[in-house]
């Protein structure tokens, strides 16, 4: 196996998504239920969809190396994301983790729109989205390129964003 294939598998969007939502679940009450939902609908189902389409001969390979093969599996995966987000909305309401799951849908639709015309890296797009969400939630401590007093809970640590969301009716972490 070539090093590029190993890197591609290690940074597979479904794996990166799982790890990202695992980090997000650390701040979520009832984190096991949240983690099961996002693991099933955001990580496992896209892999099963792509493998199934590859086995059925609808796409050339399960890594979606050819941009022409990306539309169908990503479109079906978005339907799974909508189901998973609907369940999160029913169980938790519009909380920050639910909001981030909904953002994942909009990011995926954006990538889907671009990837039908251009060869873009879904791996990097997923990684960028997950890193952005984790830095938003946990502050820039997660980013070695941003060093500020916000790492200790001061301004910029996320409390302003949480206050802004609460002022618009979005509760934080399932608490009223």
N, C-alpha and C. Protein backbone atom coordinates (compact mmCIF):
# COMPACT_ATOMS: atom_id res chain seq x y z
N UNK A 1 0.84 -1.18 0.00
CA UNK A 1 0.00 0.00 0.00
C UNK A 1 0.90 1.25 0.00
N UNK A 2 0.60 2.20 -0.86
CA UNK A 2 1.39 3.41 -0.98
C UNK A 2 1.11 4.35 0.19
N UNK A 3 2.07 5.23 0.48
CA UNK A 3 1.89 6.15 1.61
C UNK A 3 0.72 7.10 1.37
N UNK A 4 0.44 7.47 0.12
CA UNK A 4 -0.70 8.33 -0.17
C UNK A 4 -2.02 7.63 0.16
N UNK A 5 -2.08 6.32 -0.10
CA UNK A 5 -3.29 5.56 0.23
C UNK A 5 -3.48 5.45 1.74
N UNK A 6 -2.39 5.26 2.46
CA UNK A 6 -2.44 5.18 3.91
C UNK A 6 -2.91 6.51 4.49
N UNK A 7 -2.35 7.61 3.99
CA UNK A 7 -2.76 8.94 4.45
C UNK A 7 -4.23 9.19 4.12
N UNK A 8 -4.66 8.77 2.95
CA UNK A 8 -6.05 8.95 2.55
C UNK A 8 -6.99 8.18 3.47
N UNK A 9 -6.63 6.96 3.81
CA UNK A 9 -7.46 6.17 4.72
C UNK A 9 -7.45 6.74 6.14
N UNK A 10 -6.29 7.19 6.60
CA UNK A 10 -6.17 7.75 7.95
C UNK A 10 -6.93 9.06 8.09
N UNK A 11 -7.06 9.80 6.99
CA UNK A 11 -7.78 11.07 7.05
C UNK A 11 -9.14 10.97 6.35
N UNK A 12 -9.68 9.76 6.26
CA UNK A 12 -10.96 9.55 5.61
C UNK A 12 -12.03 10.43 6.28
N UNK A 13 -12.86 11.10 5.49
CA UNK A 13 -13.86 12.01 6.06
C UNK A 13 -14.75 11.37 7.13
N UNK A 14 -15.11 10.11 6.98
CA UNK A 14 -15.95 9.47 7.99
C UNK A 14 -15.20 9.28 9.31
N UNK A 15 -13.93 8.96 9.25
CA UNK A 15 -13.12 8.83 10.46
C UNK A 15 -12.91 10.19 11.12
N UNK A 16 -12.56 11.19 10.33
CA UNK A 16 -12.36 12.54 10.85
C UNK A 16 -13.66 13.07 11.47
N UNK A 17 -14.78 12.80 10.82
CA UNK A 17 -16.08 13.22 11.33
C UNK A 17 -16.36 12.55 12.67
N UNK A 18 -16.12 11.25 12.75
CA UNK A 18 -16.33 10.54 14.01
C UNK A 18 -15.48 11.14 15.12
N UNK A 19 -14.21 11.37 14.85
CA UNK A 19 -13.32 11.93 15.89
C UNK A 19 -13.75 13.33 16.28
N UNK A 20 -14.19 14.12 15.30
CA UNK A 20 -14.66 15.46 15.60
C UNK A 20 -15.90 15.44 16.47
N UNK A 21 -16.89 14.63 16.10
CA UNK A 21 -18.11 14.55 16.91
C UNK A 21 -17.85 13.89 18.26
N UNK A 22 -16.83 13.05 18.35
CA UNK A 22 -16.44 12.50 19.64
C UNK A 22 -15.98 13.64 20.54
N UNK A 23 -15.16 14.54 19.99
CA UNK A 23 -14.72 15.71 20.76
C UNK A 23 -15.89 16.60 21.15
N UNK A 24 -16.82 16.82 20.23
CA UNK A 24 -17.99 17.65 20.51
C UNK A 24 -18.84 17.00 21.60
N UNK A 25 -18.94 15.67 21.59
CA UNK A 25 -19.77 14.97 22.57
C UNK A 25 -19.24 15.12 23.99
N UNK A 26 -17.97 15.49 24.15
CA UNK A 26 -17.41 15.66 25.49
C UNK A 26 -18.12 16.76 26.27
N UNK A 27 -18.71 17.73 25.56
CA UNK A 27 -19.43 18.82 26.21
C UNK A 27 -20.94 18.59 26.21
N UNK A 28 -21.39 17.45 25.74
CA UNK A 28 -22.82 17.19 25.59
C UNK A 28 -23.33 16.32 26.72
N UNK A 29 -24.38 16.78 27.44
CA UNK A 29 -25.00 15.85 28.39
C UNK A 29 -25.61 14.69 27.60
N UNK A 30 -25.73 13.57 28.20
CA UNK A 30 -26.24 12.38 27.51
C UNK A 30 -25.36 12.09 26.29
N UNK A 31 -24.05 12.21 26.48
CA UNK A 31 -23.13 12.12 25.35
C UNK A 31 -23.17 10.79 24.61
N UNK A 32 -23.53 9.73 25.28
CA UNK A 32 -23.57 8.43 24.60
C UNK A 32 -24.64 8.43 23.50
N UNK A 33 -25.82 8.94 23.83
CA UNK A 33 -26.89 9.00 22.83
C UNK A 33 -26.49 9.91 21.67
N UNK A 34 -25.89 11.04 21.98
CA UNK A 34 -25.42 11.96 20.93
C UNK A 34 -24.38 11.27 20.06
N UNK A 35 -23.42 10.60 20.69
CA UNK A 35 -22.35 9.95 19.96
C UNK A 35 -22.88 8.80 19.09
N UNK A 36 -23.86 8.05 19.58
CA UNK A 36 -24.45 6.98 18.78
C UNK A 36 -25.13 7.57 17.54
N UNK A 37 -25.88 8.65 17.73
CA UNK A 37 -26.58 9.29 16.61
C UNK A 37 -25.59 9.76 15.54
N UNK A 38 -24.60 10.54 15.94
CA UNK A 38 -23.69 11.09 14.94
C UNK A 38 -22.78 10.01 14.36
N UNK A 39 -22.45 9.00 15.15
CA UNK A 39 -21.62 7.91 14.62
C UNK A 39 -22.39 7.14 13.55
N UNK A 40 -23.64 6.88 13.82
CA UNK A 40 -24.45 6.11 12.88
C UNK A 40 -24.74 6.91 11.61
N UNK A 41 -25.24 8.14 11.76
CA UNK A 41 -25.72 8.89 10.60
C UNK A 41 -24.64 9.72 9.91
N UNK A 42 -23.60 10.12 10.61
CA UNK A 42 -22.58 10.99 10.01
C UNK A 42 -21.29 10.25 9.66
N UNK A 43 -21.05 9.10 10.28
CA UNK A 43 -19.80 8.39 10.01
C UNK A 43 -20.01 7.02 9.38
N UNK A 44 -20.81 6.20 9.99
CA UNK A 44 -20.98 4.83 9.51
C UNK A 44 -21.82 4.76 8.23
N UNK A 45 -22.94 5.47 8.19
CA UNK A 45 -23.81 5.37 7.01
C UNK A 45 -23.13 5.84 5.72
N UNK A 46 -22.33 6.93 5.72
CA UNK A 46 -21.66 7.29 4.46
C UNK A 46 -20.70 6.21 3.96
N UNK A 47 -20.02 5.55 4.89
CA UNK A 47 -19.10 4.47 4.50
C UNK A 47 -19.88 3.31 3.90
N UNK A 48 -20.97 2.94 4.55
CA UNK A 48 -21.78 1.82 4.05
C UNK A 48 -22.41 2.16 2.70
N UNK A 49 -22.85 3.41 2.55
CA UNK A 49 -23.43 3.85 1.28
C UNK A 49 -22.40 3.74 0.16
N UNK A 50 -21.20 4.24 0.41
CA UNK A 50 -20.16 4.22 -0.64
C UNK A 50 -19.73 2.80 -0.95
N UNK A 51 -19.55 2.00 0.06
CA UNK A 51 -19.16 0.61 -0.18
C UNK A 51 -20.26 -0.11 -0.98
N UNK A 52 -21.51 0.10 -0.59
CA UNK A 52 -22.62 -0.53 -1.31
C UNK A 52 -22.68 -0.11 -2.76
N UNK A 53 -22.51 1.19 -3.02
CA UNK A 53 -22.52 1.67 -4.40
C UNK A 53 -21.32 1.14 -5.19
N UNK A 54 -20.17 1.02 -4.52
CA UNK A 54 -18.99 0.47 -5.20
C UNK A 54 -19.20 -1.00 -5.54
N UNK A 55 -19.75 -1.76 -4.60
CA UNK A 55 -20.02 -3.18 -4.85
C UNK A 55 -21.07 -3.37 -5.94
N UNK A 56 -22.03 -2.45 -6.01
CA UNK A 56 -23.08 -2.53 -7.03
C UNK A 56 -22.60 -2.02 -8.39
N UNK A 57 -21.38 -1.49 -8.44
CA UNK A 57 -20.83 -0.99 -9.69
C UNK A 57 -21.33 0.40 -10.09
N UNK A 58 -21.98 1.10 -9.17
CA UNK A 58 -22.49 2.44 -9.46
C UNK A 58 -21.39 3.50 -9.41
N UNK A 59 -20.33 3.22 -8.64
CA UNK A 59 -19.16 4.10 -8.57
C UNK A 59 -17.91 3.25 -8.73
N UNK A 60 -16.81 3.88 -9.10
CA UNK A 60 -15.59 3.12 -9.41
C UNK A 60 -14.85 2.62 -8.19
N UNK A 61 -14.79 3.44 -7.13
CA UNK A 61 -14.11 2.99 -5.91
C UNK A 61 -14.73 3.67 -4.70
N UNK A 62 -14.53 3.06 -3.55
CA UNK A 62 -15.17 3.56 -2.33
C UNK A 62 -14.52 4.82 -1.77
N UNK A 63 -13.37 5.23 -2.29
CA UNK A 63 -12.73 6.48 -1.85
C UNK A 63 -13.19 7.68 -2.68
N UNK A 64 -14.06 7.44 -3.65
CA UNK A 64 -14.60 8.50 -4.51
C UNK A 64 -13.50 9.32 -5.17
N UNK A 65 -12.53 8.61 -5.71
CA UNK A 65 -11.38 9.26 -6.34
C UNK A 65 -11.77 10.08 -7.57
N UNK A 66 -12.80 9.66 -8.27
CA UNK A 66 -13.25 10.36 -9.47
C UNK A 66 -14.40 11.29 -9.11
N UNK A 67 -14.28 12.56 -9.46
CA UNK A 67 -15.32 13.53 -9.08
C UNK A 67 -16.67 13.18 -9.66
N UNK A 68 -16.70 12.49 -10.80
CA UNK A 68 -17.97 12.10 -11.41
C UNK A 68 -18.73 11.10 -10.54
N UNK A 69 -18.02 10.40 -9.67
CA UNK A 69 -18.64 9.39 -8.81
C UNK A 69 -19.16 9.96 -7.49
N UNK A 70 -18.94 11.23 -7.22
CA UNK A 70 -19.20 11.78 -5.89
C UNK A 70 -20.65 12.19 -5.65
N UNK A 71 -21.37 12.59 -6.69
CA UNK A 71 -22.69 13.19 -6.48
C UNK A 71 -23.66 12.23 -5.79
N UNK A 72 -23.80 11.03 -6.30
CA UNK A 72 -24.78 10.08 -5.76
C UNK A 72 -24.51 9.70 -4.30
N UNK A 73 -23.31 9.24 -3.96
CA UNK A 73 -23.10 8.84 -2.56
C UNK A 73 -23.19 10.01 -1.58
N UNK A 74 -22.71 11.19 -1.99
CA UNK A 74 -22.77 12.33 -1.08
C UNK A 74 -24.22 12.79 -0.91
N UNK A 75 -24.99 12.76 -1.98
CA UNK A 75 -26.41 13.13 -1.88
C UNK A 75 -27.17 12.19 -0.95
N UNK A 76 -26.92 10.91 -1.07
CA UNK A 76 -27.57 9.94 -0.18
C UNK A 76 -27.10 10.14 1.26
N UNK A 77 -25.82 10.42 1.45
CA UNK A 77 -25.29 10.67 2.79
C UNK A 77 -25.96 11.88 3.43
N UNK A 78 -26.22 12.92 2.65
CA UNK A 78 -26.89 14.11 3.18
C UNK A 78 -28.28 13.75 3.71
N UNK A 79 -28.96 12.83 3.05
CA UNK A 79 -30.25 12.37 3.57
C UNK A 79 -30.09 11.73 4.95
N UNK A 80 -29.02 10.94 5.12
CA UNK A 80 -28.73 10.37 6.43
C UNK A 80 -28.41 11.44 7.46
N UNK A 81 -27.68 12.48 7.04
CA UNK A 81 -27.38 13.59 7.95
C UNK A 81 -28.67 14.28 8.39
N UNK A 82 -29.61 14.43 7.46
CA UNK A 82 -30.89 15.06 7.79
C UNK A 82 -31.67 14.22 8.81
N UNK A 83 -31.65 12.91 8.65
CA UNK A 83 -32.31 12.03 9.62
C UNK A 83 -31.63 12.15 10.98
N UNK A 84 -30.30 12.09 10.99
CA UNK A 84 -29.57 12.21 12.25
C UNK A 84 -29.81 13.55 12.93
N UNK A 85 -29.81 14.62 12.16
CA UNK A 85 -30.05 15.95 12.73
C UNK A 85 -31.48 16.08 13.24
N UNK A 86 -32.43 15.47 12.54
CA UNK A 86 -33.82 15.50 13.00
C UNK A 86 -33.95 14.81 14.35
N UNK A 87 -33.28 13.70 14.51
CA UNK A 87 -33.30 13.00 15.80
C UNK A 87 -32.65 13.86 16.89
N UNK A 88 -31.53 14.51 16.56
CA UNK A 88 -30.88 15.39 17.54
C UNK A 88 -31.80 16.53 17.94
N UNK A 89 -32.50 17.10 16.96
CA UNK A 89 -33.44 18.19 17.26
C UNK A 89 -34.57 17.69 18.17
N UNK A 90 -35.08 16.49 17.92
CA UNK A 90 -36.15 15.94 18.76
C UNK A 90 -35.68 15.67 20.18
N UNK A 91 -34.47 15.15 20.32
CA UNK A 91 -33.97 14.77 21.65
C UNK A 91 -33.42 15.97 22.42
N UNK A 92 -32.61 16.80 21.76
CA UNK A 92 -31.91 17.88 22.45
C UNK A 92 -32.47 19.26 22.18
N UNK A 93 -33.23 19.42 21.13
CA UNK A 93 -33.64 20.77 20.72
C UNK A 93 -32.47 21.41 19.98
N UNK A 94 -32.57 22.70 19.80
CA UNK A 94 -31.53 23.42 19.07
C UNK A 94 -30.41 23.82 20.02
N UNK A 95 -29.52 22.86 20.28
CA UNK A 95 -28.35 23.11 21.14
C UNK A 95 -27.14 23.33 20.25
N UNK A 96 -26.04 23.73 20.85
CA UNK A 96 -24.83 23.99 20.07
C UNK A 96 -24.37 22.74 19.31
N UNK A 97 -24.30 21.56 19.93
CA UNK A 97 -23.90 20.38 19.15
C UNK A 97 -24.87 20.05 18.01
N UNK A 98 -26.17 20.26 18.24
CA UNK A 98 -27.14 20.04 17.17
C UNK A 98 -26.93 21.05 16.05
N UNK A 99 -26.69 22.29 16.44
CA UNK A 99 -26.42 23.34 15.47
C UNK A 99 -25.18 22.99 14.64
N UNK A 100 -24.14 22.46 15.27
CA UNK A 100 -22.93 22.08 14.54
C UNK A 100 -23.22 20.91 13.59
N UNK A 101 -24.08 20.00 13.99
CA UNK A 101 -24.46 18.90 13.10
C UNK A 101 -25.20 19.45 11.88
N UNK A 102 -26.05 20.45 12.10
CA UNK A 102 -26.75 21.08 10.98
C UNK A 102 -25.77 21.83 10.09
N UNK A 103 -24.76 22.46 10.69
CA UNK A 103 -23.73 23.13 9.89
C UNK A 103 -22.99 22.13 9.01
N UNK A 104 -22.81 20.91 9.50
CA UNK A 104 -22.15 19.88 8.74
C UNK A 104 -22.89 19.60 7.44
N UNK A 105 -24.23 19.65 7.52
CA UNK A 105 -25.05 19.45 6.31
C UNK A 105 -24.78 20.56 5.31
N UNK A 106 -24.77 21.80 5.76
CA UNK A 106 -24.55 22.91 4.83
C UNK A 106 -23.15 22.86 4.23
N UNK A 107 -22.16 22.47 5.04
CA UNK A 107 -20.80 22.33 4.52
C UNK A 107 -20.73 21.22 3.47
N UNK A 108 -21.41 20.11 3.73
CA UNK A 108 -21.41 19.00 2.79
C UNK A 108 -22.10 19.39 1.49
N UNK A 109 -23.20 20.11 1.59
CA UNK A 109 -23.89 20.56 0.38
C UNK A 109 -23.01 21.53 -0.42
N UNK A 110 -22.26 22.36 0.27
CA UNK A 110 -21.32 23.27 -0.41
C UNK A 110 -20.25 22.47 -1.15
N UNK A 111 -19.66 21.51 -0.46
CA UNK A 111 -18.65 20.66 -1.08
C UNK A 111 -19.26 19.90 -2.26
N UNK A 112 -20.48 19.42 -2.10
CA UNK A 112 -21.15 18.70 -3.18
C UNK A 112 -21.32 19.60 -4.41
N UNK A 113 -21.71 20.84 -4.18
CA UNK A 113 -21.87 21.77 -5.29
C UNK A 113 -20.57 22.06 -6.01
N UNK A 114 -19.50 22.17 -5.26
CA UNK A 114 -18.19 22.48 -5.85
C UNK A 114 -17.59 21.24 -6.52
N UNK A 115 -17.73 20.10 -5.88
CA UNK A 115 -17.05 18.89 -6.37
C UNK A 115 -17.67 18.33 -7.64
N UNK A 116 -18.87 18.77 -7.99
CA UNK A 116 -19.44 18.31 -9.26
C UNK A 116 -18.78 18.99 -10.46
N UNK A 117 -18.12 20.11 -10.21
CA UNK A 117 -17.45 20.84 -11.30
C UNK A 117 -15.93 20.78 -11.19
N UNK A 118 -15.42 20.68 -9.97
CA UNK A 118 -13.98 20.73 -9.74
C UNK A 118 -13.57 19.57 -8.85
N UNK A 119 -12.35 19.14 -9.02
CA UNK A 119 -11.79 18.09 -8.16
C UNK A 119 -11.28 18.76 -6.90
N UNK A 120 -12.01 18.63 -5.81
CA UNK A 120 -11.60 19.21 -4.54
C UNK A 120 -11.35 18.08 -3.55
N UNK A 121 -10.61 18.39 -2.52
CA UNK A 121 -10.31 17.40 -1.50
C UNK A 121 -11.40 17.39 -0.44
N UNK A 122 -12.21 16.36 -0.46
CA UNK A 122 -13.24 16.22 0.57
C UNK A 122 -12.57 15.96 1.92
N UNK A 123 -11.43 15.28 1.90
CA UNK A 123 -10.68 15.02 3.12
C UNK A 123 -10.33 16.34 3.82
N UNK A 124 -9.76 17.27 3.07
CA UNK A 124 -9.35 18.54 3.67
C UNK A 124 -10.54 19.41 4.05
N UNK A 125 -11.60 19.39 3.26
CA UNK A 125 -12.79 20.16 3.59
C UNK A 125 -13.40 19.65 4.91
N UNK A 126 -13.45 18.34 5.07
CA UNK A 126 -13.97 17.76 6.31
C UNK A 126 -13.07 18.11 7.49
N UNK A 127 -11.78 17.97 7.31
CA UNK A 127 -10.83 18.28 8.37
C UNK A 127 -10.94 19.74 8.79
N UNK A 128 -11.05 20.65 7.83
CA UNK A 128 -11.17 22.07 8.15
C UNK A 128 -12.45 22.35 8.94
N UNK A 129 -13.55 21.73 8.54
CA UNK A 129 -14.81 21.92 9.26
C UNK A 129 -14.76 21.40 10.68
N UNK A 130 -14.18 20.22 10.86
CA UNK A 130 -14.09 19.62 12.19
C UNK A 130 -13.17 20.45 13.09
N UNK A 131 -12.05 20.89 12.58
CA UNK A 131 -11.13 21.71 13.38
C UNK A 131 -11.81 23.02 13.77
N UNK A 132 -12.53 23.63 12.84
CA UNK A 132 -13.24 24.88 13.14
C UNK A 132 -14.25 24.67 14.26
N UNK A 133 -15.02 23.59 14.20
CA UNK A 133 -16.01 23.31 15.24
C UNK A 133 -15.35 23.07 16.59
N UNK A 134 -14.26 22.32 16.62
CA UNK A 134 -13.58 22.04 17.89
C UNK A 134 -12.94 23.28 18.48
N UNK A 135 -12.35 24.13 17.65
CA UNK A 135 -11.78 25.38 18.15
C UNK A 135 -12.89 26.28 18.66
N UNK A 136 -14.03 26.30 17.98
CA UNK A 136 -15.17 27.09 18.43
C UNK A 136 -15.62 26.63 19.82
N UNK A 137 -15.70 25.30 20.01
CA UNK A 137 -16.20 24.77 21.27
C UNK A 137 -15.22 24.86 22.41
N UNK A 138 -13.97 24.53 22.14
CA UNK A 138 -12.99 24.41 23.21
C UNK A 138 -12.01 25.57 23.26
N UNK A 139 -12.14 26.50 22.34
CA UNK A 139 -11.23 27.64 22.30
C UNK A 139 -9.99 27.32 21.50
N UNK A 140 -9.16 28.34 21.31
CA UNK A 140 -7.98 28.17 20.47
C UNK A 140 -6.88 27.32 21.09
N UNK A 141 -7.10 26.81 22.28
CA UNK A 141 -6.12 25.90 22.88
C UNK A 141 -5.85 24.72 21.96
N UNK A 142 -6.85 24.35 21.16
CA UNK A 142 -6.68 23.24 20.23
C UNK A 142 -5.84 23.60 19.02
N UNK A 143 -5.64 24.89 18.80
CA UNK A 143 -4.89 25.31 17.63
C UNK A 143 -3.52 25.84 18.04
N UNK A 144 -2.44 25.22 17.59
CA UNK A 144 -1.11 25.68 17.98
C UNK A 144 -0.76 27.03 17.34
N UNK A 145 -1.57 27.49 16.39
CA UNK A 145 -1.27 28.73 15.70
C UNK A 145 -1.94 29.94 16.34
N UNK A 146 -2.83 29.71 17.30
CA UNK A 146 -3.52 30.81 17.96
C UNK A 146 -3.19 30.74 19.44
N UNK A 147 -2.50 31.72 19.95
CA UNK A 147 -2.19 31.78 21.37
C UNK A 147 -2.71 33.10 21.91
N UNK A 148 -3.63 33.02 22.87
CA UNK A 148 -4.18 34.23 23.46
C UNK A 148 -4.68 33.91 24.85
N UNK A 149 -5.03 34.96 25.63
CA UNK A 149 -5.58 34.71 26.97
C UNK A 149 -6.87 33.90 26.95
N UNK A 150 -7.49 33.78 25.78
CA UNK A 150 -8.74 33.03 25.70
C UNK A 150 -8.54 31.56 26.07
N UNK A 151 -7.31 31.10 26.03
CA UNK A 151 -7.05 29.71 26.39
C UNK A 151 -7.39 29.44 27.85
N UNK A 152 -7.49 30.51 28.65
CA UNK A 152 -7.78 30.35 30.06
C UNK A 152 -9.19 30.77 30.40
N UNK A 153 -10.07 30.88 29.40
CA UNK A 153 -11.46 31.16 29.66
C UNK A 153 -11.84 32.62 29.56
N UNK A 154 -10.97 33.46 29.11
CA UNK A 154 -11.26 34.89 28.98
C UNK A 154 -12.00 35.17 27.69
N UNK A 155 -12.05 36.46 27.32
CA UNK A 155 -12.72 36.82 26.06
C UNK A 155 -12.12 36.05 24.88
N UNK A 156 -12.97 35.57 24.03
CA UNK A 156 -12.52 34.81 22.87
C UNK A 156 -12.54 33.31 23.09
N UNK A 157 -12.90 32.88 24.32
CA UNK A 157 -12.88 31.45 24.60
C UNK A 157 -14.15 30.73 24.20
N UNK A 158 -15.06 31.46 23.61
CA UNK A 158 -16.30 30.84 23.17
C UNK A 158 -17.51 31.33 23.93
N UNK A 159 -17.29 31.99 25.07
CA UNK A 159 -18.45 32.42 25.84
C UNK A 159 -19.24 33.50 25.11
N UNK A 160 -18.57 34.34 24.28
CA UNK A 160 -19.31 35.35 23.53
C UNK A 160 -20.22 34.67 22.51
N UNK A 161 -19.71 33.65 21.83
CA UNK A 161 -20.51 32.94 20.84
C UNK A 161 -21.70 32.26 21.49
N UNK A 162 -21.48 31.67 22.66
CA UNK A 162 -22.57 31.01 23.37
C UNK A 162 -23.62 32.03 23.77
N UNK A 163 -23.18 33.19 24.25
CA UNK A 163 -24.12 34.26 24.62
C UNK A 163 -24.91 34.71 23.41
N UNK A 164 -24.24 34.89 22.26
CA UNK A 164 -24.91 35.30 21.04
C UNK A 164 -25.95 34.28 20.63
N UNK A 165 -25.59 32.98 20.67
CA UNK A 165 -26.54 31.93 20.31
C UNK A 165 -27.72 31.91 21.27
N UNK A 166 -27.46 32.05 22.58
CA UNK A 166 -28.55 32.04 23.55
C UNK A 166 -29.50 33.21 23.31
N UNK A 167 -28.96 34.37 22.92
CA UNK A 167 -29.82 35.53 22.67
C UNK A 167 -30.73 35.28 21.47
N UNK A 168 -30.43 34.27 20.68
CA UNK A 168 -31.25 33.94 19.52
C UNK A 168 -32.03 32.65 19.73
N UNK A 169 -32.13 32.22 20.99
CA UNK A 169 -32.97 31.07 21.31
C UNK A 169 -32.28 29.72 21.24
N UNK A 170 -30.95 29.70 21.03
CA UNK A 170 -30.23 28.44 20.97
C UNK A 170 -29.64 28.17 22.34
N UNK A 171 -30.10 27.09 23.00
CA UNK A 171 -29.57 26.78 24.31
C UNK A 171 -28.21 26.11 24.17
N UNK A 172 -27.42 26.18 25.20
CA UNK A 172 -26.08 25.61 25.16
C UNK A 172 -26.05 24.28 25.88
N UNK A 173 -25.67 23.24 25.19
CA UNK A 173 -25.45 21.91 25.75
C UNK A 173 -26.70 21.32 26.38
N UNK A 174 -27.86 21.69 25.83
CA UNK A 174 -29.09 21.05 26.28
C UNK A 174 -29.65 21.63 27.55
N UNK A 175 -29.04 22.67 28.10
CA UNK A 175 -29.55 23.28 29.33
C UNK A 175 -30.42 24.47 28.97
N UNK A 176 -31.54 24.65 29.69
CA UNK A 176 -32.44 25.77 29.38
C UNK A 176 -31.81 27.11 29.66
